[in-house]
Each structure stands twice: as structure tokens, then as C-alpha cells.
């Protein structure tokens, strides 16, 4: 049976690289893509996924042409995860980011500090945080480990 994966990511290069890599480690998956906070929320309202890969920082709306995508949301992925958790969703969630730290409304978080916050917000759904660096392969190792732990690849 194919696993249904939702990947919410606004950066096309990162989205393509991660999606291509997932397909090499798990041929038994169907990947749906969303590009913003709004389209990510619509996707989880419309369908049920086994696994959700969320960028932490996203624009409010899908970018079209030269449009900005509305207000940039530093913790959009966290907000999507919270909505899923409150609705009783069972999807496992992995966050993926290119940033080493986050700041919003005067509160700063390192990656390690963010893990604690994300685990508190979605304890039964949280499956990990991956630091994406396009010049290194450590993100691939971490995604492979998470997929193995969740039974999504051989």
C-alpha cells in the first residue's frame, strides 16, 4: 500500500531536491505538494496523509508570478501542525528548515530549542526536525532514518 505524503514547502529548489530524494528511498509513496500556509491548511482539511513534511517558515499564500505570497509567517509550519493536532489528525510530522534559528514576537529559538517547542505542540504527531543544507548530505541521512523508523521505506 502506498503511503500518502504531504510536503509543504515554498522554495522550489529545496522542494524538488527533497521530493526526488524521497522517491529514491521510498517508491511506495504518493507525494502531494503545497507551497504556502494556506495551501498546506487546505490540503490537510481535504485529505488524510500518513506523513507530512513541513517547512517551518512559509508565505501566507502561494506565490504567483511576482506576487509576494502575502505576509511571511516565521512559524507557519508550526501553525499547520497545531491545526492538525487540534483536529485530531494522526499524521506523523517532520519539520524541515534551512534556518539555524528562529525569532518571532521577541522570542528566539535555536534548532534544539525549537525541537522542544514542536514536541510540546504536537506530541503524538511530531517525528523530527531536519536541517536542510543543500551543500551537505546530512539532511538525506536524517530523512532516511525517520522514514525507516516510521516504516515508510525498506
N, C-alpha and C. Protein backbone atom coordinates (compact mmCIF):
# COMPACT_ATOMS: atom_id res chain seq x y z
N UNK A 1 0.83 -1.18 0.00
CA UNK A 1 0.00 0.00 0.00
C UNK A 1 0.89 1.25 0.00
N UNK A 2 0.55 2.20 -0.83
CA UNK A 2 1.34 3.42 -0.95
C UNK A 2 1.05 4.37 0.21
N UNK A 3 2.12 4.98 0.73
CA UNK A 3 1.99 5.99 1.77
C UNK A 3 1.67 7.32 1.13
N UNK A 4 0.76 8.05 1.76
CA UNK A 4 0.41 9.38 1.27
C UNK A 4 1.19 10.42 2.06
N UNK A 5 1.97 11.23 1.33
CA UNK A 5 2.84 12.23 1.94
C UNK A 5 2.43 13.61 1.45
N UNK A 6 2.33 14.55 2.37
CA UNK A 6 2.13 15.95 2.03
C UNK A 6 3.44 16.67 2.32
N UNK A 7 3.92 17.44 1.35
CA UNK A 7 5.14 18.23 1.52
C UNK A 7 4.77 19.70 1.31
N UNK A 8 4.87 20.49 2.38
CA UNK A 8 4.54 21.91 2.32
C UNK A 8 5.85 22.70 2.33
N UNK A 9 6.20 23.27 1.18
CA UNK A 9 7.49 23.94 1.00
C UNK A 9 7.36 25.00 -0.09
N UNK A 10 7.81 26.22 0.20
CA UNK A 10 7.70 27.30 -0.79
C UNK A 10 8.93 27.43 -1.69
N UNK A 11 10.06 26.88 -1.30
CA UNK A 11 11.28 27.01 -2.09
C UNK A 11 11.32 25.90 -3.15
N UNK A 12 11.21 26.24 -4.44
CA UNK A 12 11.12 25.20 -5.47
C UNK A 12 12.36 24.31 -5.56
N UNK A 13 13.54 24.88 -5.37
CA UNK A 13 14.77 24.07 -5.44
C UNK A 13 14.80 23.04 -4.30
N UNK A 14 14.54 23.50 -3.10
CA UNK A 14 14.53 22.60 -1.94
C UNK A 14 13.44 21.54 -2.09
N UNK A 15 12.26 21.97 -2.53
CA UNK A 15 11.14 21.04 -2.71
C UNK A 15 11.49 19.96 -3.72
N UNK A 16 12.09 20.34 -4.83
CA UNK A 16 12.46 19.38 -5.87
C UNK A 16 13.51 18.39 -5.36
N UNK A 17 14.55 18.90 -4.72
CA UNK A 17 15.63 18.02 -4.22
C UNK A 17 15.11 17.03 -3.19
N UNK A 18 14.31 17.50 -2.25
CA UNK A 18 13.79 16.62 -1.20
C UNK A 18 12.82 15.60 -1.79
N UNK A 19 11.93 16.05 -2.66
CA UNK A 19 10.96 15.15 -3.29
C UNK A 19 11.67 14.06 -4.10
N UNK A 20 12.66 14.46 -4.88
CA UNK A 20 13.41 13.47 -5.67
C UNK A 20 14.11 12.47 -4.75
N UNK A 21 14.66 12.95 -3.66
CA UNK A 21 15.35 12.04 -2.73
C UNK A 21 14.35 11.07 -2.09
N UNK A 22 13.21 11.57 -1.65
CA UNK A 22 12.20 10.70 -1.04
C UNK A 22 11.80 9.60 -2.01
N UNK A 23 11.66 9.93 -3.26
CA UNK A 23 11.28 8.93 -4.26
C UNK A 23 12.35 7.86 -4.46
N UNK A 24 13.63 8.20 -4.18
CA UNK A 24 14.69 7.19 -4.30
C UNK A 24 14.70 6.23 -3.11
N UNK A 25 14.23 6.68 -1.95
CA UNK A 25 14.24 5.81 -0.77
C UNK A 25 12.90 5.14 -0.51
N UNK A 26 11.85 5.66 -1.14
CA UNK A 26 10.52 5.10 -0.91
C UNK A 26 9.69 5.17 -2.18
N UNK A 27 9.73 4.11 -2.96
CA UNK A 27 8.95 4.09 -4.19
C UNK A 27 7.46 3.89 -3.89
N UNK A 28 7.17 3.48 -2.68
CA UNK A 28 5.78 3.23 -2.27
C UNK A 28 5.16 4.47 -1.62
N UNK A 29 5.23 5.60 -2.32
CA UNK A 29 4.63 6.81 -1.76
C UNK A 29 4.03 7.67 -2.85
N UNK A 30 3.02 8.42 -2.46
CA UNK A 30 2.40 9.41 -3.33
C UNK A 30 2.61 10.74 -2.62
N UNK A 31 3.29 11.66 -3.30
CA UNK A 31 3.62 12.94 -2.69
C UNK A 31 2.73 14.04 -3.26
N UNK A 32 2.04 14.73 -2.36
CA UNK A 32 1.25 15.91 -2.71
C UNK A 32 2.03 17.12 -2.24
N UNK A 33 2.10 18.14 -3.06
CA UNK A 33 2.85 19.34 -2.70
C UNK A 33 1.92 20.52 -2.45
N UNK A 34 2.29 21.33 -1.47
CA UNK A 34 1.63 22.61 -1.20
C UNK A 34 2.76 23.62 -1.02
N UNK A 35 2.46 24.89 -1.29
CA UNK A 35 3.52 25.89 -1.37
C UNK A 35 3.42 27.04 -0.37
N UNK A 36 2.43 26.97 0.53
CA UNK A 36 2.23 28.09 1.47
C UNK A 36 1.43 27.61 2.68
N UNK A 37 1.29 28.50 3.65
CA UNK A 37 0.47 28.21 4.82
C UNK A 37 -0.96 27.87 4.40
N UNK A 38 -1.56 28.71 3.55
CA UNK A 38 -2.96 28.50 3.14
C UNK A 38 -3.16 27.19 2.39
N UNK A 39 -2.30 26.92 1.41
CA UNK A 39 -2.49 25.68 0.64
C UNK A 39 -2.16 24.45 1.47
N UNK A 40 -1.25 24.57 2.44
CA UNK A 40 -0.97 23.47 3.35
C UNK A 40 -2.18 23.16 4.23
N UNK A 41 -2.81 24.22 4.77
CA UNK A 41 -4.02 24.03 5.59
C UNK A 41 -5.15 23.41 4.77
N UNK A 42 -5.33 23.89 3.54
CA UNK A 42 -6.37 23.34 2.67
C UNK A 42 -6.12 21.86 2.39
N UNK A 43 -4.87 21.49 2.18
CA UNK A 43 -4.54 20.09 1.89
C UNK A 43 -4.88 19.18 3.06
N UNK A 44 -4.58 19.61 4.31
CA UNK A 44 -4.88 18.73 5.45
C UNK A 44 -6.37 18.71 5.77
N UNK A 45 -7.11 19.72 5.34
CA UNK A 45 -8.57 19.70 5.51
C UNK A 45 -9.22 18.81 4.46
N UNK A 46 -8.59 18.70 3.30
CA UNK A 46 -9.16 17.98 2.17
C UNK A 46 -8.85 16.50 2.18
N UNK A 47 -7.72 16.10 2.77
CA UNK A 47 -7.28 14.72 2.66
C UNK A 47 -6.56 14.30 3.94
N UNK A 48 -6.35 13.00 4.09
CA UNK A 48 -5.62 12.44 5.23
C UNK A 48 -4.29 11.90 4.71
N UNK A 49 -3.22 12.25 5.39
CA UNK A 49 -1.88 11.84 4.98
C UNK A 49 -1.24 10.99 6.07
N UNK A 50 -0.40 10.05 5.64
CA UNK A 50 0.35 9.23 6.59
C UNK A 50 1.48 10.05 7.21
N UNK A 51 2.01 10.96 6.41
CA UNK A 51 3.22 11.67 6.77
C UNK A 51 3.17 13.07 6.19
N UNK A 52 3.56 14.07 6.98
CA UNK A 52 3.59 15.44 6.49
C UNK A 52 4.98 16.01 6.74
N UNK A 53 5.57 16.56 5.70
CA UNK A 53 6.86 17.22 5.77
C UNK A 53 6.57 18.72 5.65
N UNK A 54 6.91 19.47 6.71
CA UNK A 54 6.55 20.89 6.77
C UNK A 54 7.77 21.79 6.87
N UNK A 55 7.85 22.76 5.97
CA UNK A 55 8.81 23.84 6.15
C UNK A 55 8.29 24.65 7.34
N UNK A 56 9.17 25.21 8.12
CA UNK A 56 8.72 25.97 9.29
C UNK A 56 8.26 27.37 8.88
N UNK A 57 8.99 28.03 7.98
CA UNK A 57 8.66 29.39 7.58
C UNK A 57 8.09 29.39 6.16
N UNK A 58 6.89 29.97 6.02
CA UNK A 58 6.19 29.95 4.73
C UNK A 58 5.47 31.27 4.49
N UNK A 59 5.21 31.59 3.22
CA UNK A 59 4.34 32.73 2.95
C UNK A 59 2.89 32.34 3.26
N UNK A 60 2.03 33.33 3.40
CA UNK A 60 0.63 33.05 3.70
C UNK A 60 -0.07 32.37 2.52
N UNK A 61 0.19 32.87 1.31
CA UNK A 61 -0.47 32.34 0.11
C UNK A 61 0.57 31.86 -0.89
N UNK A 62 0.15 31.00 -1.83
CA UNK A 62 1.03 30.56 -2.89
C UNK A 62 1.51 31.77 -3.70
N UNK A 63 2.78 31.80 -3.99
CA UNK A 63 3.33 32.87 -4.83
C UNK A 63 2.98 32.59 -6.29
N UNK A 64 2.47 33.61 -6.96
CA UNK A 64 2.17 33.50 -8.38
C UNK A 64 2.86 34.66 -9.08
N UNK A 65 3.70 34.34 -10.05
CA UNK A 65 4.43 35.38 -10.76
C UNK A 65 5.31 36.18 -9.81
N UNK A 66 5.16 37.49 -9.83
CA UNK A 66 5.97 38.36 -8.99
C UNK A 66 5.31 38.67 -7.64
N UNK A 67 4.17 38.06 -7.36
CA UNK A 67 3.49 38.32 -6.10
C UNK A 67 4.33 37.79 -4.93
N UNK A 68 4.17 38.43 -3.78
CA UNK A 68 4.97 38.08 -2.61
C UNK A 68 4.47 36.85 -1.86
N UNK A 69 3.21 36.51 -2.04
CA UNK A 69 2.63 35.42 -1.28
C UNK A 69 2.04 35.90 0.04
N UNK A 70 1.86 37.21 0.14
CA UNK A 70 1.28 37.77 1.37
C UNK A 70 2.30 37.82 2.49
N UNK A 71 1.79 37.96 3.68
CA UNK A 71 2.64 38.06 4.87
C UNK A 71 3.48 36.79 5.04
N UNK A 72 4.77 36.97 5.33
CA UNK A 72 5.64 35.83 5.60
C UNK A 72 5.42 35.39 7.04
N UNK A 73 5.19 34.11 7.25
CA UNK A 73 4.91 33.57 8.57
C UNK A 73 6.10 32.75 9.06
N UNK A 74 6.85 33.28 10.04
CA UNK A 74 8.06 32.58 10.51
C UNK A 74 7.79 31.20 11.10
N UNK A 75 6.59 30.98 11.64
CA UNK A 75 6.27 29.69 12.25
C UNK A 75 5.03 29.05 11.60
N UNK A 76 4.89 29.23 10.29
CA UNK A 76 3.72 28.70 9.59
C UNK A 76 3.60 27.18 9.71
N UNK A 77 4.71 26.46 9.60
CA UNK A 77 4.67 25.00 9.73
C UNK A 77 4.18 24.58 11.10
N UNK A 78 4.63 25.28 12.11
CA UNK A 78 4.19 25.02 13.48
C UNK A 78 2.68 25.27 13.61
N UNK A 79 2.19 26.32 12.95
CA UNK A 79 0.76 26.62 12.98
C UNK A 79 -0.06 25.53 12.28
N UNK A 80 0.44 25.05 11.15
CA UNK A 80 -0.24 23.96 10.43
C UNK A 80 -0.28 22.71 11.30
N UNK A 81 0.84 22.39 11.94
CA UNK A 81 0.90 21.21 12.81
C UNK A 81 -0.09 21.35 13.96
N UNK A 82 -0.18 22.53 14.54
CA UNK A 82 -1.11 22.76 15.64
C UNK A 82 -2.56 22.55 15.18
N UNK A 83 -2.90 23.04 13.98
CA UNK A 83 -4.25 22.85 13.45
C UNK A 83 -4.55 21.35 13.28
N UNK A 84 -3.59 20.61 12.74
CA UNK A 84 -3.78 19.18 12.54
C UNK A 84 -3.97 18.46 13.88
N UNK A 85 -3.15 18.81 14.86
CA UNK A 85 -3.21 18.18 16.17
C UNK A 85 -4.55 18.47 16.85
N UNK A 86 -4.97 19.73 16.80
CA UNK A 86 -6.25 20.11 17.42
C UNK A 86 -7.44 19.42 16.78
N UNK A 87 -7.31 19.13 15.47
CA UNK A 87 -8.39 18.45 14.76
C UNK A 87 -8.35 16.93 14.97
N UNK A 88 -7.36 16.45 15.72
CA UNK A 88 -7.26 15.02 16.00
C UNK A 88 -6.58 14.24 14.90
N UNK A 89 -5.86 14.92 14.01
CA UNK A 89 -5.15 14.24 12.92
C UNK A 89 -4.07 13.31 13.44
N UNK A 90 -3.86 12.21 12.77
CA UNK A 90 -2.89 11.20 13.20
C UNK A 90 -1.60 11.20 12.37
N UNK A 91 -1.52 12.07 11.37
CA UNK A 91 -0.33 12.10 10.50
C UNK A 91 0.93 12.38 11.30
N UNK A 92 1.99 11.69 10.96
CA UNK A 92 3.30 11.98 11.54
C UNK A 92 3.88 13.20 10.82
N UNK A 93 4.51 14.08 11.58
CA UNK A 93 5.00 15.34 11.03
C UNK A 93 6.51 15.45 11.23
N UNK A 94 7.20 15.79 10.14
CA UNK A 94 8.62 16.13 10.20
C UNK A 94 8.74 17.55 9.68
N UNK A 95 9.44 18.37 10.44
CA UNK A 95 9.70 19.74 10.03
C UNK A 95 11.05 19.77 9.34
N UNK A 96 11.16 20.62 8.32
CA UNK A 96 12.41 20.75 7.59
C UNK A 96 12.68 22.24 7.39
N UNK A 97 13.90 22.65 7.68
CA UNK A 97 14.24 24.06 7.59
C UNK A 97 15.68 24.29 7.14
N UNK A 98 15.92 25.44 6.57
CA UNK A 98 17.25 25.87 6.17
C UNK A 98 17.83 26.84 7.19
N UNK A 99 17.04 27.24 8.18
CA UNK A 99 17.48 28.25 9.14
C UNK A 99 18.01 27.61 10.41
N UNK A 100 19.06 28.24 10.98
CA UNK A 100 19.65 27.76 12.24
C UNK A 100 18.89 28.23 13.47
N UNK A 101 18.20 29.35 13.32
CA UNK A 101 17.46 29.90 14.46
C UNK A 101 16.22 30.64 13.94
N UNK A 102 15.30 30.86 14.86
CA UNK A 102 14.03 31.49 14.53
C UNK A 102 13.70 32.54 15.56
N UNK A 103 13.07 33.60 15.10
CA UNK A 103 12.66 34.66 16.00
C UNK A 103 11.30 35.17 15.58
N UNK A 104 10.42 35.32 16.56
CA UNK A 104 9.08 35.84 16.29
C UNK A 104 8.55 36.49 17.55
N UNK A 105 8.07 37.70 17.42
CA UNK A 105 7.47 38.44 18.54
C UNK A 105 8.40 38.48 19.75
N UNK A 106 9.68 38.71 19.49
CA UNK A 106 10.64 38.86 20.58
C UNK A 106 11.17 37.57 21.17
N UNK A 107 10.72 36.43 20.68
CA UNK A 107 11.19 35.14 21.18
C UNK A 107 12.09 34.49 20.13
N UNK A 108 13.29 34.11 20.55
CA UNK A 108 14.23 33.44 19.65
C UNK A 108 14.37 31.98 20.04
N UNK A 109 14.56 31.13 19.03
CA UNK A 109 14.74 29.69 19.25
C UNK A 109 15.90 29.19 18.41
N UNK A 110 16.77 28.41 19.02
CA UNK A 110 17.77 27.66 18.26
C UNK A 110 17.06 26.42 17.72
N UNK A 111 17.73 25.65 16.88
CA UNK A 111 17.11 24.41 16.37
C UNK A 111 16.77 23.46 17.52
N UNK A 112 17.69 23.30 18.47
CA UNK A 112 17.43 22.40 19.60
C UNK A 112 16.25 22.89 20.44
N UNK A 113 16.19 24.20 20.67
CA UNK A 113 15.08 24.76 21.43
C UNK A 113 13.76 24.61 20.70
N UNK A 114 13.83 24.72 19.37
CA UNK A 114 12.62 24.58 18.56
C UNK A 114 12.07 23.16 18.62
N UNK A 115 12.95 22.17 18.69
CA UNK A 115 12.50 20.78 18.80
C UNK A 115 11.60 20.61 20.02
N UNK A 116 12.00 21.18 21.15
CA UNK A 116 11.20 21.08 22.38
C UNK A 116 9.84 21.72 22.20
N UNK A 117 9.80 22.90 21.58
CA UNK A 117 8.53 23.60 21.35
C UNK A 117 7.63 22.78 20.43
N UNK A 118 8.18 22.25 19.35
CA UNK A 118 7.40 21.48 18.39
C UNK A 118 6.87 20.19 19.01
N UNK A 119 7.68 19.55 19.84
CA UNK A 119 7.24 18.33 20.52
C UNK A 119 6.10 18.63 21.49
N UNK A 120 6.17 19.76 22.18
CA UNK A 120 5.10 20.15 23.11
C UNK A 120 3.80 20.43 22.38
N UNK A 121 3.90 21.11 21.23
CA UNK A 121 2.70 21.48 20.48
C UNK A 121 2.01 20.28 19.84
N UNK A 122 2.78 19.31 19.39
CA UNK A 122 2.22 18.16 18.66
C UNK A 122 2.87 16.86 19.14
N UNK A 123 2.71 16.51 20.41
CA UNK A 123 3.45 15.37 20.96
C UNK A 123 3.21 14.04 20.26
N UNK A 124 1.99 13.76 19.84
CA UNK A 124 1.74 12.46 19.22
C UNK A 124 2.03 12.46 17.72
N UNK A 125 2.18 13.64 17.12
CA UNK A 125 2.42 13.74 15.69
C UNK A 125 3.89 13.99 15.35
N UNK A 126 4.62 14.63 16.23
CA UNK A 126 6.00 15.04 15.95
C UNK A 126 6.90 13.83 15.71
N UNK A 127 7.59 13.85 14.56
CA UNK A 127 8.50 12.74 14.24
C UNK A 127 9.93 13.22 13.99
N UNK A 128 10.16 14.53 14.00
CA UNK A 128 11.53 15.01 13.84
C UNK A 128 11.64 16.38 13.23
N UNK A 129 12.86 16.91 13.28
CA UNK A 129 13.23 18.18 12.67
C UNK A 129 14.50 17.93 11.87
N UNK A 130 14.47 18.30 10.59
CA UNK A 130 15.60 18.10 9.70
C UNK A 130 16.16 19.46 9.30
N UNK A 131 17.47 19.62 9.47
CA UNK A 131 18.13 20.83 9.00
C UNK A 131 18.58 20.58 7.57
N UNK A 132 18.05 21.36 6.64
CA UNK A 132 18.36 21.20 5.22
C UNK A 132 19.48 22.15 4.83
N UNK A 133 20.58 21.60 4.36
CA UNK A 133 21.70 22.37 3.84
C UNK A 133 22.02 21.76 2.48
N UNK A 134 21.76 22.52 1.42
CA UNK A 134 21.92 21.96 0.07
C UNK A 134 23.35 21.56 -0.26
N UNK A 135 24.32 22.05 0.50
CA UNK A 135 25.73 21.71 0.22
C UNK A 135 26.19 20.47 0.98
N UNK A 136 25.32 19.90 1.79
CA UNK A 136 25.68 18.70 2.57
C UNK A 136 24.64 17.61 2.37
N UNK A 137 25.00 16.40 2.74
CA UNK A 137 24.05 15.28 2.58
C UNK A 137 23.45 14.83 3.91
N UNK A 138 23.76 15.50 5.00
CA UNK A 138 23.25 15.07 6.31
C UNK A 138 21.72 15.10 6.36
N UNK A 139 21.07 15.98 5.60
CA UNK A 139 19.61 16.01 5.58
C UNK A 139 19.05 14.71 4.99
N UNK A 140 19.76 14.15 4.01
CA UNK A 140 19.32 12.90 3.41
C UNK A 140 19.40 11.76 4.43
N UNK A 141 20.49 11.74 5.18
CA UNK A 141 20.67 10.71 6.21
C UNK A 141 19.55 10.79 7.24
N UNK A 142 19.22 12.00 7.65
CA UNK A 142 18.18 12.18 8.67
C UNK A 142 16.80 11.80 8.12
N UNK A 143 16.48 12.19 6.91
CA UNK A 143 15.19 11.80 6.32
C UNK A 143 15.11 10.29 6.17
N UNK A 144 16.19 9.65 5.73
CA UNK A 144 16.22 8.20 5.59
C UNK A 144 15.96 7.52 6.93
N UNK A 145 16.60 8.02 8.00
CA UNK A 145 16.42 7.45 9.33
C UNK A 145 14.96 7.58 9.77
N UNK A 146 14.38 8.75 9.59
CA UNK A 146 13.00 8.98 10.00
C UNK A 146 12.05 8.08 9.21
N UNK A 147 12.26 7.99 7.90
CA UNK A 147 11.41 7.14 7.07
C UNK A 147 11.51 5.68 7.50
N UNK A 148 12.72 5.21 7.80
CA UNK A 148 12.89 3.83 8.28
C UNK A 148 12.15 3.63 9.59
N UNK A 149 12.32 4.59 10.53
CA UNK A 149 11.66 4.48 11.84
C UNK A 149 10.14 4.45 11.71
N UNK A 150 9.60 5.16 10.72
CA UNK A 150 8.15 5.20 10.52
C UNK A 150 7.65 4.09 9.59
N UNK A 151 8.58 3.26 9.07
CA UNK A 151 8.19 2.17 8.19
C UNK A 151 7.80 2.63 6.79
N UNK A 152 8.32 3.80 6.37
CA UNK A 152 7.98 4.32 5.05
C UNK A 152 8.95 3.93 3.95
N UNK A 153 10.03 3.25 4.32
CA UNK A 153 10.96 2.75 3.30
C UNK A 153 11.62 1.48 3.80
N UNK A 154 12.17 0.76 2.86
CA UNK A 154 12.77 -0.54 3.18
C UNK A 154 14.11 -0.36 3.85
